[in-house]
């Protein structure tokens, strides 16, 4: 089950058009999605007026699986069900039981999941769990496992556009792409950036690259591509000129470096796909390159000697360390990096 499907079930339950399952296992390394799914399921249970009696939060490292089951079997008070939110199950996943007479915590939960109480909503969350556990196998088989994994690069602009619409804003495709480059790939910083952009442009206004340049960074998406093209052409003058679009302070330096690094990694993925025999359109898809940039990327990659992109990444890693620890100005550090990349 996807996060969107789980949240849709919660919304349907809240509006009386559906019902929640008695157990959800929410697992994934994308923490923002985990948090949103858990909160949506809690809202879907509609216990806000009696939350003091019927909402129980538990942390795996501070309780036992038996306590979770006992809480789920407790009769709700003045409500149809109780809500039990249990986080940090990866702590139990690492548990090793030497005494065979004791059940593993996740096996205790697996037994409960096989015969849950309808009067309880149990939401079990973790960043990662062993898929061979009985509980995980049951969750996959019976479709109560919610996978909250990081989005692929090509999925991020669409997620951003949907997030903007939920806040009441239209978002240009170029702005979604720019925000994906500058704030991604983790969804937490992207969601925070969308909130700031919403406040900046005002109710119902369109979010464009001008707003992103004003609130997130002074680096524009087209400027980043132009910079990479200049480096590939060994045009140091043009590459250095791109720094004029970025302030020299240390806050902007890492943002520019991150944007350029993302582009270089895309070129590397594209190059790898082409060497594996993929045609340009498929290589662009694999690399997360927008279709209208595929020809430009092909032209850039074909004129670079093999190993150049890897060398660029090493130079950017050195610049990143310098930005974090050196007393030199950010502009000076980046200029030195560009000179080495154009060499």
Protein backbone atom coordinates (compact mmCIF):
# COMPACT_ATOMS: atom_id res chain seq x y z
CA UNK A 1 0.00 0.00 0.00
CA UNK A 2 1.29 3.46 -0.86
CA UNK A 3 1.20 6.41 1.55
CA UNK A 4 -1.41 8.09 -0.66
CA UNK A 5 -3.63 4.99 -0.49
CA UNK A 6 -3.35 4.83 3.30
CA UNK A 7 -4.19 8.53 3.66
CA UNK A 8 -7.12 8.10 1.26
CA UNK A 9 -8.46 5.29 3.46
CA UNK A 10 -8.16 7.57 6.49
CA UNK A 11 -10.03 10.36 4.70
CA UNK A 12 -12.77 7.96 3.58
CA UNK A 13 -13.17 6.70 7.14
CA UNK A 14 -13.40 10.25 8.48
CA UNK A 15 -16.16 11.16 6.00
CA UNK A 16 -18.07 7.91 6.53
CA UNK A 17 -17.31 6.57 3.04
CA UNK A 18 -15.00 3.79 4.17
CA UNK A 19 -13.42 2.08 7.13
CA UNK A 20 -9.97 1.83 8.64
CA UNK A 21 -8.18 -1.49 9.00
CA UNK A 22 -7.45 -2.55 12.59
CA UNK A 23 -3.67 -2.57 12.02
CA UNK A 24 -1.25 -0.62 9.81
CA UNK A 25 2.49 -1.24 9.61
CA UNK A 26 4.11 1.98 8.37
CA UNK A 27 7.73 1.41 7.33
CA UNK A 28 10.19 3.54 5.40
CA UNK A 29 13.17 5.86 5.53
CA UNK A 30 11.23 8.90 4.28
CA UNK A 31 10.31 10.26 7.70
CA UNK A 32 7.95 12.95 6.42
CA UNK A 33 5.76 10.35 4.69
CA UNK A 34 5.76 8.16 7.81
CA UNK A 35 4.66 11.10 9.96
CA UNK A 36 1.95 12.17 7.53
CA UNK A 37 0.51 8.66 7.23
CA UNK A 38 0.45 8.16 11.00
CA UNK A 39 -1.24 11.52 11.57
CA UNK A 40 -3.78 10.88 8.82
CA UNK A 41 -4.69 7.50 10.32
CA UNK A 42 -5.10 9.09 13.73
CA UNK A 43 -7.45 11.71 12.28
CA UNK A 44 -9.35 9.02 10.40
CA UNK A 45 -10.14 7.27 13.68
CA UNK A 46 -12.06 10.40 14.76
CA UNK A 47 -11.25 10.26 18.47
CA UNK A 48 -10.19 13.88 19.00
CA UNK A 49 -12.95 14.60 21.52
CA UNK A 50 -11.94 11.62 23.63
CA UNK A 51 -8.22 11.48 22.83
CA UNK A 52 -7.34 11.79 26.51
CA UNK A 53 -8.95 8.41 27.11
CA UNK A 54 -8.43 6.64 23.81
CA UNK A 55 -5.09 7.75 22.36
CA UNK A 56 -1.94 6.01 23.54
CA UNK A 57 1.55 6.70 22.18
CA UNK A 58 4.26 4.12 22.78
CA UNK A 59 7.96 3.85 21.87
CA UNK A 60 9.43 0.41 21.30
CA UNK A 61 12.57 1.12 23.31
CA UNK A 62 10.46 2.11 26.33
CA UNK A 63 7.79 -0.60 26.36
CA UNK A 64 7.12 -4.23 25.42
CA UNK A 65 5.15 -5.91 22.68
CA UNK A 66 2.93 -7.46 25.35
CA UNK A 67 2.09 -3.96 26.62
CA UNK A 68 1.11 -2.92 23.10
CA UNK A 69 -1.23 -5.90 22.78
CA UNK A 70 -2.71 -5.21 26.21
CA UNK A 71 -3.37 -1.59 25.23
CA UNK A 72 -5.06 -2.71 22.01
CA UNK A 73 -7.33 -5.05 23.94
CA UNK A 74 -8.43 -2.35 26.37
CA UNK A 75 -12.05 -1.33 25.88
CA UNK A 76 -12.41 2.22 24.47
CA UNK A 77 -14.15 4.87 26.57
CA UNK A 78 -16.98 6.90 25.02
CA UNK A 79 -15.69 6.10 21.52
CA UNK A 80 -15.88 3.32 18.95
CA UNK A 81 -12.18 2.52 19.16
CA UNK A 82 -8.84 3.23 20.79
CA UNK A 83 -5.78 4.37 18.84
CA UNK A 84 -2.37 2.89 19.69
CA UNK A 85 0.59 4.57 17.97
CA UNK A 86 3.83 2.61 18.37
CA UNK A 87 7.07 4.03 16.90
CA UNK A 88 10.66 2.84 16.65
CA UNK A 89 9.95 -0.83 15.93
CA UNK A 90 13.43 -1.15 14.39
CA UNK A 91 14.63 -1.38 18.00
CA UNK A 92 12.76 -4.67 18.39
CA UNK A 93 13.89 -5.86 14.97
CA UNK A 94 17.47 -5.82 16.26
CA UNK A 95 16.46 -7.78 19.37
CA UNK A 96 18.01 -11.25 19.64
CA UNK A 97 16.37 -13.76 21.98
CA UNK A 98 18.65 -16.44 23.42
CA UNK A 99 15.83 -18.02 25.39
CA UNK A 100 13.59 -19.92 22.96
CA UNK A 101 10.78 -19.94 25.53
CA UNK A 102 10.33 -16.20 25.00
CA UNK A 103 8.61 -14.92 21.90
CA UNK A 104 10.31 -12.26 19.82
CA UNK A 105 8.50 -8.90 20.19
CA UNK A 106 7.65 -8.74 16.48
CA UNK A 107 6.29 -12.30 16.64
CA UNK A 108 4.05 -11.23 19.53
CA UNK A 109 2.73 -8.45 17.30
CA UNK A 110 2.41 -10.87 14.38
CA UNK A 111 0.13 -13.03 16.53
CA UNK A 112 -2.00 -9.99 17.35
CA UNK A 113 -2.14 -8.92 13.68
CA UNK A 114 -3.52 -12.37 12.82
CA UNK A 115 -6.50 -11.75 15.10
CA UNK A 116 -6.78 -8.02 15.88
CA UNK A 117 -9.49 -6.30 17.91
CA UNK A 118 -11.93 -4.23 15.86
CA UNK A 119 -12.20 -1.79 18.77
CA UNK A 120 -8.59 -0.65 18.31
CA UNK A 121 -6.52 1.00 15.60
CA UNK A 122 -2.89 -0.07 16.01
CA UNK A 123 -0.32 1.84 13.93
CA UNK A 124 3.17 0.35 14.06
CA UNK A 125 5.95 2.46 12.53
CA UNK A 126 9.64 1.99 11.84
CA UNK A 127 12.34 3.27 9.52
CA UNK A 128 13.27 -0.27 8.44
CA UNK A 129 12.25 -3.81 9.32
CA UNK A 130 13.45 -7.23 8.24
CA UNK A 131 11.10 -8.42 5.52
CA UNK A 132 11.47 -12.03 6.62
CA UNK A 133 9.71 -11.39 9.94
CA UNK A 134 6.28 -13.03 10.27
CA UNK A 135 4.67 -9.68 10.93
CA UNK A 136 6.12 -8.16 7.74
CA UNK A 137 5.08 -11.16 5.64
CA UNK A 138 1.54 -10.93 7.00
CA UNK A 139 1.43 -7.17 6.44
CA UNK A 140 2.46 -7.60 2.80
CA UNK A 141 0.10 -10.51 2.18
CA UNK A 142 -2.94 -8.85 3.75
CA UNK A 143 -2.10 -5.37 2.43
CA UNK A 144 -1.74 -3.42 5.65
CA UNK A 145 1.93 -2.56 5.04
CA UNK A 146 2.44 1.11 4.09
CA UNK A 147 5.79 1.61 2.32
CA UNK A 148 7.20 5.11 2.86
CA UNK A 149 10.40 4.96 0.83
CA UNK A 150 12.23 8.02 -0.58
CA UNK A 151 10.87 9.19 -3.91
CA UNK A 152 12.82 8.60 -7.10
CA UNK A 153 14.29 11.74 -8.62
CA UNK A 154 11.79 11.84 -11.49
CA UNK A 155 8.87 11.54 -9.02
CA UNK A 156 9.86 14.55 -6.93
CA UNK A 157 8.61 17.40 -9.20
CA UNK A 158 5.16 15.78 -9.35
CA UNK A 159 5.07 15.46 -5.55
CA UNK A 160 6.04 19.12 -5.28
CA UNK A 161 3.31 20.18 -7.71
CA UNK A 162 0.69 18.24 -5.72
CA UNK A 163 1.96 19.78 -2.50
CA UNK A 164 1.66 23.27 -3.99
CA UNK A 165 -1.92 22.58 -5.13
CA UNK A 166 -2.83 21.37 -1.65
CA UNK A 167 -1.68 24.78 -0.38
CA UNK A 168 -3.77 26.54 -3.03
CA UNK A 169 -1.04 27.42 -5.52
CA UNK A 170 -0.33 26.71 -9.15
CA UNK A 171 3.30 25.79 -9.80
CA UNK A 172 5.16 25.94 -13.09
CA UNK A 173 6.99 22.79 -14.20
CA UNK A 174 10.30 24.66 -14.25
CA UNK A 175 9.69 25.86 -10.68
CA UNK A 176 8.91 22.30 -9.53
CA UNK A 177 12.10 21.08 -11.18
CA UNK A 178 14.13 23.89 -9.61
CA UNK A 179 12.74 23.21 -6.14
CA UNK A 180 13.45 19.49 -6.53
CA UNK A 181 17.08 20.29 -7.29
CA UNK A 182 17.59 22.88 -4.58
CA UNK A 183 15.62 21.45 -1.66
CA UNK A 184 15.46 17.69 -2.38
CA UNK A 185 15.80 14.81 -2.27
CA UNK A 186 14.51 14.52 1.34
CA UNK A 187 10.86 15.57 1.53
CA UNK A 188 11.17 17.40 4.85
CA UNK A 189 13.20 20.33 3.47
CA UNK A 190 11.02 20.36 0.33
CA UNK A 191 7.81 20.64 2.39
CA UNK A 192 9.38 23.40 4.48
CA UNK A 193 10.37 25.26 1.31
CA UNK A 194 6.81 24.98 -0.03
CA UNK A 195 5.44 26.45 3.20
CA UNK A 196 7.83 29.40 2.94
CA UNK A 197 6.96 29.93 -0.71
CA UNK A 198 3.25 29.86 0.10
CA UNK A 199 3.69 32.59 2.70
CA UNK A 200 5.88 34.62 0.33
CA UNK A 201 3.60 34.64 -2.73
CA UNK A 202 0.34 34.98 -0.79
CA UNK A 203 -3.00 33.21 -0.94
CA UNK A 204 -3.75 31.64 -4.32
CA UNK A 205 -0.78 33.18 -6.13
CA UNK A 206 1.35 31.26 -8.60
CA UNK A 207 4.74 29.97 -7.46
CA UNK A 208 7.44 30.54 -10.05
CA UNK A 209 11.22 30.62 -10.28
CA UNK A 210 11.27 34.28 -9.24
CA UNK A 211 9.71 33.33 -5.90
CA UNK A 212 12.16 30.45 -5.46
CA UNK A 213 15.09 32.74 -6.21
CA UNK A 214 13.82 35.24 -3.63
CA UNK A 215 13.03 32.81 -0.80
CA UNK A 216 15.10 29.64 -1.27
CA UNK A 217 18.25 30.58 -3.14
CA UNK A 218 19.51 32.94 -5.77
CA UNK A 219 20.50 30.01 -7.98
CA UNK A 220 18.17 29.42 -10.92
CA UNK A 221 17.73 26.09 -12.66
CA UNK A 222 18.80 27.47 -16.03
CA UNK A 223 21.84 29.09 -14.42
CA UNK A 224 22.92 25.69 -13.07
CA UNK A 225 22.66 24.05 -16.49
CA UNK A 226 24.54 26.97 -18.05
CA UNK A 227 27.26 26.59 -15.45
CA UNK A 228 27.62 22.86 -16.10
CA UNK A 229 27.69 23.49 -19.86
CA UNK A 230 30.41 26.10 -19.39
CA UNK A 231 32.51 23.69 -17.32
CA UNK A 232 32.07 20.94 -19.91
CA UNK A 233 33.22 23.37 -22.61
CA UNK A 234 36.24 24.36 -20.45
CA UNK A 235 34.97 27.96 -20.59
CA UNK A 236 36.28 29.26 -17.28
CA UNK A 237 35.30 32.86 -18.02
CA UNK A 238 31.66 31.91 -18.51
CA UNK A 239 31.71 29.54 -15.53
CA UNK A 240 33.07 32.24 -13.23
CA UNK A 241 30.49 34.66 -14.58
CA UNK A 242 27.72 32.34 -13.31
CA UNK A 243 28.88 33.02 -9.76
CA UNK A 244 27.48 36.53 -10.07
CA UNK A 245 24.03 34.95 -9.66
CA UNK A 246 25.03 33.75 -6.20
CA UNK A 247 26.07 35.74 -3.16
CA UNK A 248 29.52 34.97 -1.81
CA UNK A 249 28.38 34.09 1.70
CA UNK A 250 28.58 30.59 3.11
CA UNK A 251 24.81 30.14 3.18
CA UNK A 252 24.53 30.39 -0.60
CA UNK A 253 27.74 28.51 -1.41
CA UNK A 254 26.50 25.06 -0.31
CA UNK A 255 23.21 25.61 -2.14
CA UNK A 256 24.99 26.29 -5.42
CA UNK A 257 27.31 23.37 -4.80
CA UNK A 258 24.36 21.09 -4.05
CA UNK A 259 22.55 22.16 -7.22
CA UNK A 260 25.62 21.64 -9.40
CA UNK A 261 26.36 18.30 -7.69
CA UNK A 262 22.83 17.09 -8.43
CA UNK A 263 23.28 17.98 -12.09
CA UNK A 264 26.64 16.20 -12.29
CA UNK A 265 25.16 13.06 -10.73
CA UNK A 266 22.41 13.16 -13.34
CA UNK A 267 25.05 13.36 -16.07
CA UNK A 268 26.87 10.42 -14.51
CA UNK A 269 23.68 8.31 -14.44
CA UNK A 270 22.95 9.31 -18.03
CA UNK A 271 26.47 8.40 -19.13
CA UNK A 272 26.25 5.03 -17.37
CA UNK A 273 22.90 4.25 -19.00
CA UNK A 274 24.22 5.17 -22.45
CA UNK A 275 27.27 2.96 -21.98
CA UNK A 276 24.90 0.14 -21.03
CA UNK A 277 23.24 0.53 -24.43
CA UNK A 278 20.16 2.55 -23.50
CA UNK A 279 18.88 5.05 -26.12
CA UNK A 280 18.96 8.77 -25.16
CA UNK A 281 15.26 9.03 -24.13
CA UNK A 282 15.50 6.02 -21.80
CA UNK A 283 18.87 7.16 -20.44
CA UNK A 284 17.31 10.56 -19.67
CA UNK A 285 14.44 8.90 -17.83
CA UNK A 286 16.83 6.78 -15.77
CA UNK A 287 18.88 9.86 -14.90
CA UNK A 288 15.82 11.91 -13.97
CA UNK A 289 16.47 14.44 -16.74
CA UNK A 290 13.50 16.37 -18.09
CA UNK A 291 12.74 15.27 -21.69
CA UNK A 292 13.37 18.73 -23.14
CA UNK A 293 16.93 18.66 -21.74
CA UNK A 294 17.82 15.21 -23.13
CA UNK A 295 19.54 16.51 -26.26
CA UNK A 296 21.60 19.00 -24.26
CA UNK A 297 22.68 16.28 -21.84
CA UNK A 298 23.63 13.96 -24.70
CA UNK A 299 25.76 16.71 -26.23
CA UNK A 300 27.46 17.46 -22.91
CA UNK A 301 28.22 13.83 -22.04
CA UNK A 302 29.59 12.89 -25.46
CA UNK A 303 32.26 15.60 -25.39
CA UNK A 304 33.60 14.71 -21.95
CA UNK A 305 36.53 12.27 -21.60
CA UNK A 306 35.68 9.18 -19.57
CA UNK A 307 36.27 9.70 -15.85
CA UNK A 308 35.68 13.46 -15.99
CA UNK A 309 32.38 13.39 -14.09
CA UNK A 310 33.88 11.30 -11.29
CA UNK A 311 36.74 13.80 -11.01
CA UNK A 312 34.24 16.67 -10.80
CA UNK A 313 32.44 14.97 -7.92
CA UNK A 314 35.74 14.63 -6.04
CA UNK A 315 36.49 18.33 -6.57
CA UNK A 316 33.02 19.27 -5.32
CA UNK A 317 33.47 17.09 -2.24
CA UNK A 318 36.70 18.98 -1.47
CA UNK A 319 34.91 22.31 -1.98
CA UNK A 320 32.11 21.21 0.33
CA UNK A 321 34.63 20.49 3.11
CA UNK A 322 36.27 23.86 2.51
CA UNK A 323 32.94 25.70 2.70
CA UNK A 324 32.26 24.06 6.08
CA UNK A 325 35.71 24.54 7.62
CA UNK A 326 37.84 27.08 5.77
CA UNK A 327 38.07 30.80 6.51
CA UNK A 328 38.15 31.62 2.81
CA UNK A 329 35.09 33.24 1.25
CA UNK A 330 32.52 31.01 -0.38
CA UNK A 331 33.03 32.72 -3.74
CA UNK A 332 36.80 32.14 -3.58
CA UNK A 333 36.32 28.44 -2.76
CA UNK A 334 33.85 27.96 -5.59
CA UNK A 335 36.04 29.85 -8.06
CA UNK A 336 38.98 27.59 -7.22
CA UNK A 337 36.76 24.55 -7.72
CA UNK A 338 35.52 25.80 -11.11
CA UNK A 339 39.08 26.48 -12.27
CA UNK A 340 40.07 22.92 -11.39
CA UNK A 341 36.99 21.47 -13.11
CA UNK A 342 37.67 23.45 -16.29
CA UNK A 343 41.33 22.43 -16.34
